[in-house]
């Protein structure tokens, strides 16, 4: 049975629950937490329904909903939602991470609990909206809506330097957002000033009915790219991320690493490549070089961090650099690997922040030098941390391996040197993650660490679903890759068409493989 307007339900149910929370007394903590958790779980269940009903053989957008929103003389803005293989699992990742973030904050957030839960739910609506919006103005609205609750999560419930981190986060993101807004308006007028609909604009650019001058396309590409590069964040626009992660509460760090960073790479796949393929091809060598710098730089800086949270934050710079490298390889393998690596990073790094938060709740310190021997006092915690660590460094059999191999294989087809340099991130990642694990969990514990309590039932319930997905993706990645393939091939086809006839044979071969598989 089809659920009408299911994408609207997935998008706006958390915001509706936040509205309900306004009428629940703040002192009724159990009711506040229960309402927030129930709304996030129902939203997750609805997103599972979307995944189950998604037709993986069909390219283009599905579950589309479009209603008039703003319509005046010369302007037409619609409430247009839809998903394809690129956005499908990012929506699922968002709805999966949010209830876990709520559970992780069950006991740690005591002050201003109701506003905290409202911020988490509004943030979920903003994130899902970004991945589902197919109107440029609607996309921009969701992009900006998402900033407000994250600003408060960092600035109100963060650490000692929370105001500095929150302001830095908002200024960096707003600067990029304003450039994107100007590019949206320029694209609107270049298309004849009739619509902001992404599908119509993309079709017009692809068919040649609307042509952009080379200089115009360059500046539009650059404006979108800066907004997305800040969000990734790409080197050298990454400096807001470590501060935001260190100062944010555990739930904020989990959502920031798990979902918000993916908005940048999603934007590159959704806007930069399909709308401006010629400029994307010209810029690819430079962006790949920046991605490689980010991979190596992030890993080297993570290696010398004394703070657990800052180490995980810099690892995100390295891992997201690998995603960008896969995107600008312009091969089906590279783009498939980048898509899968977005999910992998959301799971592994989100789990790392959850585990670091659990350690901090027990010891009230994140300094690596203060630990040692935690495996003796908390064997379950150390076992979970080890599995997540191995996932993060790409151990075969876990999720990180599949994504990294696909990215490097796709990059190798374009540039062997880029693939070799990108692979150093895997080696360095193993160095800093395993060295960190050794210093924190192995050895003889001191008196404070010996008294550390192990994981409780609620904490295991938060971590087990993540570990289950890590194993599932590592062993049976076809569940995910099959649903993204048709949409990825559309992007590659657009790029190859802009490149010229000499580059088109690989996408034709890949599409033939896909069609053969579907016939079987």
Protein backbone atom coordinates (compact mmCIF):
# COMPACT_ATOMS: atom_id res chain seq x y z
CA UNK A 1 0.00 0.00 0.00
CA UNK A 2 1.38 3.38 -1.04
CA UNK A 3 1.57 6.09 1.60
CA UNK A 4 0.60 9.41 -0.05
CA UNK A 5 3.13 12.23 0.32
CA UNK A 6 5.55 9.92 2.11
CA UNK A 7 8.52 12.23 1.50
CA UNK A 8 6.65 15.12 3.12
CA UNK A 9 5.93 12.86 6.09
CA UNK A 10 9.58 11.87 6.41
CA UNK A 11 10.67 15.49 6.08
CA UNK A 12 8.21 17.28 8.31
CA UNK A 13 7.27 14.71 10.98
CA UNK A 14 10.28 15.63 13.17
CA UNK A 15 9.39 19.34 12.94
CA UNK A 16 5.77 18.53 13.84
CA UNK A 17 7.03 16.59 16.88
CA UNK A 18 9.18 19.59 17.84
CA UNK A 19 6.01 21.70 17.74
CA UNK A 20 4.29 19.20 20.04
CA UNK A 21 7.21 19.40 22.46
CA UNK A 22 6.52 23.10 22.94
CA UNK A 23 3.30 22.14 24.77
CA UNK A 24 4.91 19.54 27.04
CA UNK A 25 6.10 20.95 30.39
CA UNK A 26 9.88 21.14 30.57
CA UNK A 27 9.93 19.36 33.93
CA UNK A 28 8.32 16.26 32.34
CA UNK A 29 11.70 15.01 31.14
CA UNK A 30 10.56 11.46 30.43
CA UNK A 31 7.66 12.65 28.27
CA UNK A 32 9.95 15.03 26.35
CA UNK A 33 12.51 12.32 25.63
CA UNK A 34 9.84 9.75 24.81
CA UNK A 35 8.07 12.04 22.33
CA UNK A 36 11.33 12.96 20.57
CA UNK A 37 12.48 9.34 20.37
CA UNK A 38 9.09 8.09 19.15
CA UNK A 39 8.94 10.73 16.40
CA UNK A 40 12.46 9.92 15.21
CA UNK A 41 11.74 6.17 15.18
CA UNK A 42 8.51 6.63 13.19
CA UNK A 43 10.44 8.82 10.73
CA UNK A 44 13.06 6.08 10.40
CA UNK A 45 10.34 3.48 9.78
CA UNK A 46 8.85 5.66 7.02
CA UNK A 47 12.27 6.06 5.39
CA UNK A 48 12.69 2.27 5.43
CA UNK A 49 9.38 2.10 3.57
CA UNK A 50 10.79 4.46 0.94
CA UNK A 51 13.89 2.28 0.51
CA UNK A 52 11.77 -0.87 0.23
CA UNK A 53 9.55 0.67 -2.49
CA UNK A 54 12.43 2.27 -4.41
CA UNK A 55 12.86 0.92 -7.95
CA UNK A 56 16.61 0.51 -8.41
CA UNK A 57 16.38 -0.13 -12.16
CA UNK A 58 14.67 3.17 -12.81
CA UNK A 59 16.83 6.28 -13.27
CA UNK A 60 15.53 9.70 -12.35
CA UNK A 61 13.55 10.82 -9.34
CA UNK A 62 10.90 8.79 -7.56
CA UNK A 63 8.19 9.57 -4.96
CA UNK A 64 7.98 13.05 -6.44
CA UNK A 65 5.67 15.62 -4.85
CA UNK A 66 5.19 19.09 -6.29
CA UNK A 67 2.86 21.86 -5.14
CA UNK A 68 2.90 25.58 -5.78
CA UNK A 69 4.56 27.61 -3.06
CA UNK A 70 5.49 31.10 -4.30
CA UNK A 71 4.03 32.20 -7.60
CA UNK A 72 4.11 35.80 -8.77
CA UNK A 73 4.68 37.54 -12.08
CA UNK A 74 7.93 36.09 -13.40
CA UNK A 75 8.65 33.84 -10.39
CA UNK A 76 7.61 30.29 -9.73
CA UNK A 77 8.87 28.48 -6.65
CA UNK A 78 7.43 25.05 -5.90
CA UNK A 79 7.52 22.68 -2.98
CA UNK A 80 9.10 19.94 -5.08
CA UNK A 81 10.44 16.84 -3.31
CA UNK A 82 11.86 13.65 -4.78
CA UNK A 83 14.66 11.15 -4.32
CA UNK A 84 16.93 9.10 -6.55
CA UNK A 85 19.80 6.71 -5.89
CA UNK A 86 22.08 9.55 -4.84
CA UNK A 87 19.83 10.87 -2.08
CA UNK A 88 18.07 7.64 -1.04
CA UNK A 89 20.58 6.32 1.48
CA UNK A 90 21.54 9.78 2.72
CA UNK A 91 17.92 10.22 3.80
CA UNK A 92 18.06 6.80 5.46
CA UNK A 93 21.37 7.68 7.16
CA UNK A 94 19.80 10.86 8.57
CA UNK A 95 16.75 9.10 9.96
CA UNK A 96 18.95 6.28 11.33
CA UNK A 97 21.44 8.53 13.10
CA UNK A 98 18.90 10.88 14.73
CA UNK A 99 17.23 8.39 17.14
CA UNK A 100 20.68 7.11 18.10
CA UNK A 101 21.76 10.68 18.88
CA UNK A 102 18.65 11.12 21.04
CA UNK A 103 19.38 7.87 22.91
CA UNK A 104 23.00 8.89 23.37
CA UNK A 105 21.82 12.10 25.07
CA UNK A 106 19.32 10.30 27.33
CA UNK A 107 21.24 10.89 30.56
CA UNK A 108 24.00 13.31 29.56
CA UNK A 109 21.69 16.28 28.82
CA UNK A 110 19.93 17.48 31.94
CA UNK A 111 19.91 21.25 31.47
CA UNK A 112 17.38 22.71 28.99
CA UNK A 113 16.35 19.24 27.84
CA UNK A 114 13.26 20.33 25.91
CA UNK A 115 15.03 22.94 23.75
CA UNK A 116 17.78 20.39 23.10
CA UNK A 117 15.32 17.82 21.75
CA UNK A 118 13.53 20.49 19.71
CA UNK A 119 16.84 21.45 18.11
CA UNK A 120 17.59 17.82 17.22
CA UNK A 121 14.18 17.33 15.60
CA UNK A 122 14.25 20.60 13.64
CA UNK A 123 17.77 19.73 12.53
CA UNK A 124 16.51 16.37 11.22
CA UNK A 125 13.84 18.14 9.16
CA UNK A 126 16.46 20.47 7.69
CA UNK A 127 18.82 17.62 6.79
CA UNK A 128 16.17 15.41 5.19
CA UNK A 129 14.82 18.44 3.33
CA UNK A 130 18.24 19.18 1.83
CA UNK A 131 18.44 15.66 0.40
CA UNK A 132 14.85 15.66 -0.94
CA UNK A 133 14.42 19.23 -2.27
CA UNK A 134 14.24 19.53 -6.06
CA UNK A 135 13.55 23.26 -6.19
CA UNK A 136 16.60 25.49 -5.81
CA UNK A 137 14.91 27.96 -3.47
CA UNK A 138 13.47 25.15 -1.35
CA UNK A 139 16.93 23.55 -1.22
CA UNK A 140 18.42 26.83 -0.03
CA UNK A 141 15.72 27.22 2.65
CA UNK A 142 16.42 23.76 4.06
CA UNK A 143 20.17 24.41 3.85
CA UNK A 144 19.78 27.53 5.99
CA UNK A 145 17.20 26.02 8.37
CA UNK A 146 19.70 23.32 9.25
CA UNK A 147 22.24 25.91 10.46
CA UNK A 148 20.06 27.34 13.23
CA UNK A 149 19.60 24.27 15.46
CA UNK A 150 23.22 23.19 14.96
CA UNK A 151 24.38 26.65 16.01
CA UNK A 152 22.37 26.34 19.23
CA UNK A 153 23.48 22.76 19.87
CA UNK A 154 27.11 23.89 19.81
CA UNK A 155 26.62 27.32 21.40
CA UNK A 156 24.32 26.30 24.29
CA UNK A 157 25.26 22.71 25.15
CA UNK A 158 28.89 22.74 24.03
CA UNK A 159 32.18 22.96 25.91
CA UNK A 160 34.12 25.90 27.31
CA UNK A 161 34.84 27.54 23.93
CA UNK A 162 31.36 26.79 22.56
CA UNK A 163 30.53 30.38 21.53
CA UNK A 164 33.72 30.71 19.51
CA UNK A 165 33.12 27.36 17.79
CA UNK A 166 29.44 28.10 17.08
CA UNK A 167 30.15 31.54 15.60
CA UNK A 168 33.00 30.16 13.48
CA UNK A 169 30.73 27.39 12.20
CA UNK A 170 27.92 29.77 11.28
CA UNK A 171 30.20 32.35 9.62
CA UNK A 172 31.99 29.80 7.43
CA UNK A 173 28.76 28.15 6.34
CA UNK A 174 26.86 31.40 5.80
CA UNK A 175 29.64 32.81 3.62
CA UNK A 176 29.40 29.79 1.34
CA UNK A 177 25.59 29.85 1.44
CA UNK A 178 25.41 33.44 0.22
CA UNK A 179 27.57 32.59 -2.77
CA UNK A 180 25.26 29.69 -3.51
CA UNK A 181 22.21 31.97 -3.30
CA UNK A 182 23.74 34.34 -5.85
CA UNK A 183 24.48 31.37 -8.12
CA UNK A 184 20.87 30.15 -7.77
CA UNK A 185 19.55 33.55 -8.85
CA UNK A 186 22.02 33.73 -11.75
CA UNK A 187 21.01 30.24 -12.88
CA UNK A 188 17.35 31.23 -12.67
CA UNK A 189 17.82 34.21 -14.98
CA UNK A 190 20.10 32.26 -17.32
CA UNK A 191 17.24 29.80 -17.73
CA UNK A 192 14.91 32.59 -18.86
CA UNK A 193 13.67 33.62 -15.42
CA UNK A 194 10.79 31.16 -15.41
CA UNK A 195 11.50 28.47 -12.83
CA UNK A 196 13.75 27.42 -9.97
CA UNK A 197 12.94 23.74 -10.52
CA UNK A 198 16.14 21.71 -10.58
CA UNK A 199 14.77 19.02 -12.90
CA UNK A 200 13.62 21.56 -15.50
CA UNK A 201 16.86 23.54 -15.33
CA UNK A 202 18.96 20.39 -15.59
CA UNK A 203 16.93 19.18 -18.58
CA UNK A 204 17.29 22.55 -20.31
CA UNK A 205 21.06 22.61 -19.82
CA UNK A 206 21.44 18.98 -20.90
CA UNK A 207 19.35 19.37 -24.06
CA UNK A 208 21.14 22.56 -25.10
CA UNK A 209 17.99 24.71 -25.08
CA UNK A 210 19.80 26.83 -22.49
CA UNK A 211 23.50 27.43 -23.03
CA UNK A 212 25.87 29.00 -20.54
CA UNK A 213 28.92 30.92 -21.69
CA UNK A 214 32.18 29.33 -20.51
CA UNK A 215 32.92 32.24 -18.17
CA UNK A 216 29.37 32.18 -16.79
CA UNK A 217 29.49 28.43 -16.18
CA UNK A 218 32.84 28.79 -14.41
CA UNK A 219 31.57 31.35 -11.90
CA UNK A 220 28.35 29.44 -11.25
CA UNK A 221 30.33 26.25 -10.67
CA UNK A 222 32.75 28.08 -8.37
CA UNK A 223 29.97 29.61 -6.27
CA UNK A 224 28.23 26.27 -5.73
CA UNK A 225 31.56 24.54 -5.15
CA UNK A 226 32.70 26.92 -2.40
CA UNK A 227 29.43 26.43 -0.50
CA UNK A 228 29.80 22.67 -0.70
CA UNK A 229 33.56 22.61 -0.09
CA UNK A 230 33.05 24.50 3.19
CA UNK A 231 30.52 21.91 4.30
CA UNK A 232 32.65 18.85 3.37
CA UNK A 233 35.04 20.46 4.54
CA UNK A 234 37.80 20.45 1.94
CA UNK A 235 41.30 21.67 2.63
CA UNK A 236 41.94 24.62 3.22
CA UNK A 237 38.33 25.45 4.25
CA UNK A 238 38.34 22.87 7.04
CA UNK A 239 39.43 24.90 10.07
CA UNK A 240 35.93 25.30 11.53
CA UNK A 241 35.42 21.54 11.84
CA UNK A 242 37.82 20.57 14.66
CA UNK A 243 36.57 23.43 16.84
CA UNK A 244 32.92 22.55 16.20
CA UNK A 245 33.49 18.87 16.95
CA UNK A 246 35.48 19.42 20.12
CA UNK A 247 33.00 21.88 21.61
CA UNK A 248 29.75 20.23 20.46
CA UNK A 249 27.87 17.81 22.72
CA UNK A 250 28.06 14.14 21.73
CA UNK A 251 24.78 14.22 19.78
CA UNK A 252 25.93 17.33 17.90
CA UNK A 253 29.24 15.72 16.95
CA UNK A 254 27.52 12.53 15.82
CA UNK A 255 25.09 14.38 13.54
CA UNK A 256 27.76 16.79 12.32
CA UNK A 257 30.09 13.97 11.29
CA UNK A 258 27.37 11.49 10.37
CA UNK A 259 25.17 13.65 8.16
CA UNK A 260 26.07 17.35 7.83
CA UNK A 261 29.43 16.80 6.14
CA UNK A 262 27.71 14.64 3.51
CA UNK A 263 25.67 17.65 2.39
CA UNK A 264 28.81 19.04 0.79
CA UNK A 265 29.64 15.97 -1.25
CA UNK A 266 25.94 15.46 -2.03
CA UNK A 267 25.80 19.02 -3.39
CA UNK A 268 28.77 18.30 -5.65
CA UNK A 269 27.04 15.22 -7.05
CA UNK A 270 23.62 16.89 -7.35
CA UNK A 271 24.63 20.33 -8.69
CA UNK A 272 28.28 20.79 -9.67
CA UNK A 273 28.70 17.73 -11.89
CA UNK A 274 25.33 17.50 -13.72
CA UNK A 275 24.73 21.24 -14.18
CA UNK A 276 28.27 22.36 -15.03
CA UNK A 277 30.03 19.28 -16.47
CA UNK A 278 32.52 21.13 -18.71
CA UNK A 279 33.85 23.25 -15.85
CA UNK A 280 33.85 20.21 -13.54
CA UNK A 281 36.08 18.37 -16.03
CA UNK A 282 38.46 21.34 -16.27
CA UNK A 283 38.59 21.76 -12.47
CA UNK A 284 38.92 18.04 -11.67
CA UNK A 285 42.77 17.88 -11.58
CA UNK A 286 42.96 20.80 -9.13
CA UNK A 287 40.15 19.53 -6.92
CA UNK A 288 41.65 16.04 -6.91
CA UNK A 289 44.96 17.57 -5.82
CA UNK A 290 43.22 19.44 -2.96
CA UNK A 291 41.44 16.22 -1.99
CA UNK A 292 44.79 14.37 -1.81
CA UNK A 293 46.27 17.18 0.30
CA UNK A 294 43.27 16.90 2.62
CA UNK A 295 43.66 13.10 2.86
CA UNK A 296 47.33 13.28 3.83
CA UNK A 297 47.15 16.48 5.89
CA UNK A 298 44.13 15.31 7.89
CA UNK A 299 45.81 11.99 8.66
CA UNK A 300 49.12 13.56 9.70
CA UNK A 301 47.47 16.13 11.96
CA UNK A 302 45.20 13.46 13.49
CA UNK A 303 48.30 11.44 14.33
CA UNK A 304 49.65 14.10 16.72
CA UNK A 305 46.40 15.09 18.45
CA UNK A 306 46.36 14.72 22.25
CA UNK A 307 42.53 14.98 22.39
CA UNK A 308 40.40 11.98 21.35
CA UNK A 309 37.65 14.11 19.87
CA UNK A 310 40.03 16.28 17.89
CA UNK A 311 41.75 13.18 16.52
CA UNK A 312 38.43 11.85 15.22
CA UNK A 313 37.59 15.31 13.84
CA UNK A 314 40.80 15.48 11.76
CA UNK A 315 40.22 11.92 10.59
CA UNK A 316 37.00 13.25 9.01
CA UNK A 317 39.03 15.73 6.95
CA UNK A 318 41.07 12.81 5.63
CA UNK A 319 38.12 10.49 4.99
CA UNK A 320 35.99 13.12 3.28
CA UNK A 321 38.97 14.00 1.09
CA UNK A 322 38.80 10.43 -0.19
CA UNK A 323 35.11 10.92 -1.03
CA UNK A 324 35.91 14.07 -3.04
CA UNK A 325 38.70 12.20 -4.82
CA UNK A 326 36.21 9.52 -5.90
CA UNK A 327 33.68 12.10 -7.10
CA UNK A 328 36.13 13.91 -9.37
CA UNK A 329 37.48 10.69 -10.86
CA UNK A 330 34.26 10.74 -12.98
CA UNK A 331 34.19 6.94 -13.23
CA UNK A 332 31.28 4.69 -12.21
CA UNK A 333 33.55 2.93 -9.73
CA UNK A 334 34.82 6.16 -8.21
CA UNK A 335 31.37 7.69 -7.84
CA UNK A 336 29.87 4.47 -6.48
CA UNK A 337 32.71 4.25 -3.98
CA UNK A 338 32.25 7.90 -3.00
CA UNK A 339 28.53 7.33 -2.40
CA UNK A 340 29.20 4.25 -0.29
CA UNK A 341 32.02 5.97 1.56
CA UNK A 342 29.63 8.76 2.58
CA UNK A 343 27.52 6.14 4.34
CA UNK A 344 30.58 4.40 5.77
CA UNK A 345 31.99 7.59 7.18
CA UNK A 346 28.64 8.48 8.72
CA UNK A 347 28.50 5.12 10.48
CA UNK A 348 32.13 4.71 11.58
CA UNK A 349 32.87 8.29 12.59
CA UNK A 350 29.42 8.71 14.15
CA UNK A 351 30.11 5.58 16.22
CA UNK A 352 33.55 6.88 17.20
CA UNK A 353 32.02 10.11 18.52
CA UNK A 354 29.40 8.09 20.41
CA UNK A 355 32.13 5.99 22.03
CA UNK A 356 34.28 9.00 22.87
CA UNK A 357 31.22 10.59 24.46
CA UNK A 358 30.61 7.46 26.54
CA UNK A 359 34.23 7.53 27.74
CA UNK A 360 33.96 11.24 28.55
CA UNK A 361 30.81 10.69 30.63
CA UNK A 362 32.80 8.26 32.78
CA UNK A 363 36.16 10.03 33.08
CA UNK A 364 35.34 13.68 32.24
CA UNK A 365 38.47 13.95 30.15
CA UNK A 366 39.31 13.33 26.50
CA UNK A 367 43.09 13.56 26.78
CA UNK A 368 44.70 10.39 25.45
CA UNK A 369 47.50 10.69 28.02
CA UNK A 370 44.95 10.31 30.84
CA UNK A 371 43.92 6.84 29.68
CA UNK A 372 45.46 3.41 29.38
CA UNK A 373 44.28 -0.07 30.23
CA UNK A 374 40.57 0.62 29.71
CA UNK A 375 40.16 -2.88 28.26
CA UNK A 376 40.60 -4.32 31.76
CA UNK A 377 37.85 -2.19 33.31
CA UNK A 378 35.47 -1.98 30.33
CA UNK A 379 35.87 -5.02 28.03
CA UNK A 380 32.59 -4.44 26.16
CA UNK A 381 33.50 -0.79 25.50
CA UNK A 382 36.95 -1.79 24.26
CA UNK A 383 35.49 -4.49 21.99
CA UNK A 384 32.99 -2.08 20.40
CA UNK A 385 35.73 0.54 20.00
CA UNK A 386 38.01 -1.98 18.30
CA UNK A 387 35.40 -3.00 15.72
CA UNK A 388 34.62 0.63 14.91
CA UNK A 389 38.35 1.41 14.68
CA UNK A 390 38.85 -1.46 12.23
CA UNK A 391 35.88 -0.23 10.21
CA UNK A 392 37.36 3.26 10.07
CA UNK A 393 40.69 2.00 8.72
CA UNK A 394 39.01 -0.19 6.07
CA UNK A 395 39.49 -3.74 7.32
CA UNK A 396 38.16 -6.30 4.77
CA UNK A 397 34.80 -7.65 5.87
CA UNK A 398 33.68 -4.30 7.26
CA UNK A 399 32.04 -1.38 5.48
CA UNK A 400 35.06 0.91 5.11
CA UNK A 401 36.95 -1.55 2.90
CA UNK A 402 34.38 -1.68 0.09
CA UNK A 403 34.07 2.09 -0.29
CA UNK A 404 37.81 2.76 -0.16
CA UNK A 405 38.63 0.06 -2.73
CA UNK A 406 35.99 1.36 -5.15
CA UNK A 407 37.22 4.95 -4.80
CA UNK A 408 40.83 3.95 -5.38
CA UNK A 409 39.90 1.64 -8.29
CA UNK A 410 37.89 4.41 -9.94
CA UNK A 411 40.67 6.94 -9.37
CA UNK A 412 43.27 4.54 -10.75
CA UNK A 413 41.41 4.45 -14.08
CA UNK A 414 41.96 8.21 -14.41
CA UNK A 415 45.30 8.70 -12.64
CA UNK A 416 47.60 6.10 -11.13
CA UNK A 417 49.53 8.75 -9.23
CA UNK A 418 46.36 10.15 -7.64
CA UNK A 419 45.28 6.64 -6.61
CA UNK A 420 48.69 5.90 -5.08
CA UNK A 421 48.71 9.17 -3.11
CA UNK A 422 45.12 8.64 -2.02
CA UNK A 423 46.00 5.15 -0.77
CA UNK A 424 48.49 6.66 1.68
CA UNK A 425 45.49 7.89 3.65
CA UNK A 426 44.55 4.25 4.37
CA UNK A 427 48.05 3.53 5.65
CA UNK A 428 48.23 6.67 7.78
CA UNK A 429 44.70 6.03 9.03
CA UNK A 430 45.75 2.65 10.36
CA UNK A 431 48.73 4.29 12.08
CA UNK A 432 46.87 6.98 14.01
CA UNK A 433 43.77 4.89 14.81
CA UNK A 434 45.62 1.79 16.04
CA UNK A 435 48.15 3.87 17.94
CA UNK A 436 45.30 5.72 19.63
CA UNK A 437 43.58 2.44 20.50
CA UNK A 438 46.80 1.07 21.99
CA UNK A 439 47.35 4.13 24.22
CA UNK A 440 43.74 4.28 25.42
CA UNK A 441 42.77 0.64 25.90
CA UNK A 442 45.92 -1.44 26.33
CA UNK A 443 48.49 -1.51 29.10
CA UNK A 444 48.01 -1.35 32.85
CA UNK A 445 45.19 0.91 34.09
CA UNK A 446 45.73 3.53 36.78
CA UNK A 447 43.35 3.86 39.73
CA UNK A 448 40.92 6.20 37.93
CA UNK A 449 40.74 4.02 34.82
CA UNK A 450 40.44 0.79 36.81
CA UNK A 451 37.20 2.08 38.33
CA UNK A 452 35.68 2.87 34.94
CA UNK A 453 32.25 1.31 34.42
CA UNK A 454 31.47 -0.79 31.36
CA UNK A 455 28.69 -0.19 28.82
CA UNK A 456 25.11 -0.29 29.99
CA UNK A 457 22.13 -1.78 28.16
CA UNK A 458 21.07 1.55 26.60
CA UNK A 459 24.59 2.22 25.30
CA UNK A 460 24.83 -1.24 23.76
CA UNK A 461 21.41 -0.69 22.15
CA UNK A 462 22.80 2.50 20.55
CA UNK A 463 25.94 0.82 19.20
CA UNK A 464 24.67 -2.58 18.05
CA UNK A 465 22.60 -1.29 15.07
CA UNK A 466 25.63 0.61 13.79
CA UNK A 467 27.87 -2.44 14.05
CA UNK A 468 25.21 -4.53 12.32
CA UNK A 469 25.16 -2.13 9.37
CA UNK A 470 28.97 -2.10 9.23
CA UNK A 471 28.99 -5.87 8.83
CA UNK A 472 26.09 -5.84 6.36
CA UNK A 473 27.74 -3.31 4.05
CA UNK A 474 31.09 -5.07 4.35
CA UNK A 475 29.68 -8.49 3.45
CA UNK A 476 26.75 -7.62 1.19
CA UNK A 477 27.36 -4.19 -0.29
CA UNK A 478 25.17 -4.98 -3.32
CA UNK A 479 22.13 -4.01 -1.26
CA UNK A 480 23.37 -0.43 -1.37
CA UNK A 481 25.35 -0.27 -4.61
CA UNK A 482 22.49 -1.69 -6.69
CA UNK A 483 20.14 1.12 -5.68
CA UNK A 484 22.63 3.89 -6.44
CA UNK A 485 23.98 2.58 -9.74
CA UNK A 486 21.36 3.90 -12.17
CA UNK A 487 21.57 7.46 -10.79
CA UNK A 488 25.38 7.38 -10.71
CA UNK A 489 25.50 6.28 -14.34
CA UNK A 490 23.31 9.24 -15.30
CA UNK A 491 25.86 11.61 -13.75
CA UNK A 492 28.76 9.86 -15.45
CA UNK A 493 26.91 9.94 -18.76
CA UNK A 494 26.43 13.71 -18.44
CA UNK A 495 30.14 14.14 -17.75
CA UNK A 496 31.21 11.91 -20.64
CA UNK A 497 28.87 13.73 -23.02
CA UNK A 498 30.58 17.00 -22.10
CA UNK A 499 33.99 15.39 -22.43
CA UNK A 500 33.36 14.26 -26.00
CA UNK A 501 33.04 10.99 -27.93
CA UNK A 502 36.44 9.66 -26.86
CA UNK A 503 35.33 9.28 -23.24
CA UNK A 504 31.94 7.65 -23.60
CA UNK A 505 32.76 3.95 -23.94
CA UNK A 506 33.08 3.22 -20.22
CA UNK A 507 29.66 4.48 -19.23
CA UNK A 508 28.06 2.62 -22.13
CA UNK A 509 29.70 -0.60 -20.97
CA UNK A 510 28.65 0.01 -17.38
CA UNK A 511 25.06 0.72 -18.40
CA UNK A 512 25.04 -2.51 -20.40
CA UNK A 513 26.15 -4.43 -17.31
CA UNK A 514 23.35 -2.83 -15.32
CA UNK A 515 20.71 -3.71 -17.94
CA UNK A 516 21.97 -7.30 -18.15
CA UNK A 517 21.79 -7.62 -14.37
CA UNK A 518 18.20 -6.34 -14.32
CA UNK A 519 17.11 -8.80 -17.02
CA UNK A 520 18.50 -11.62 -14.92
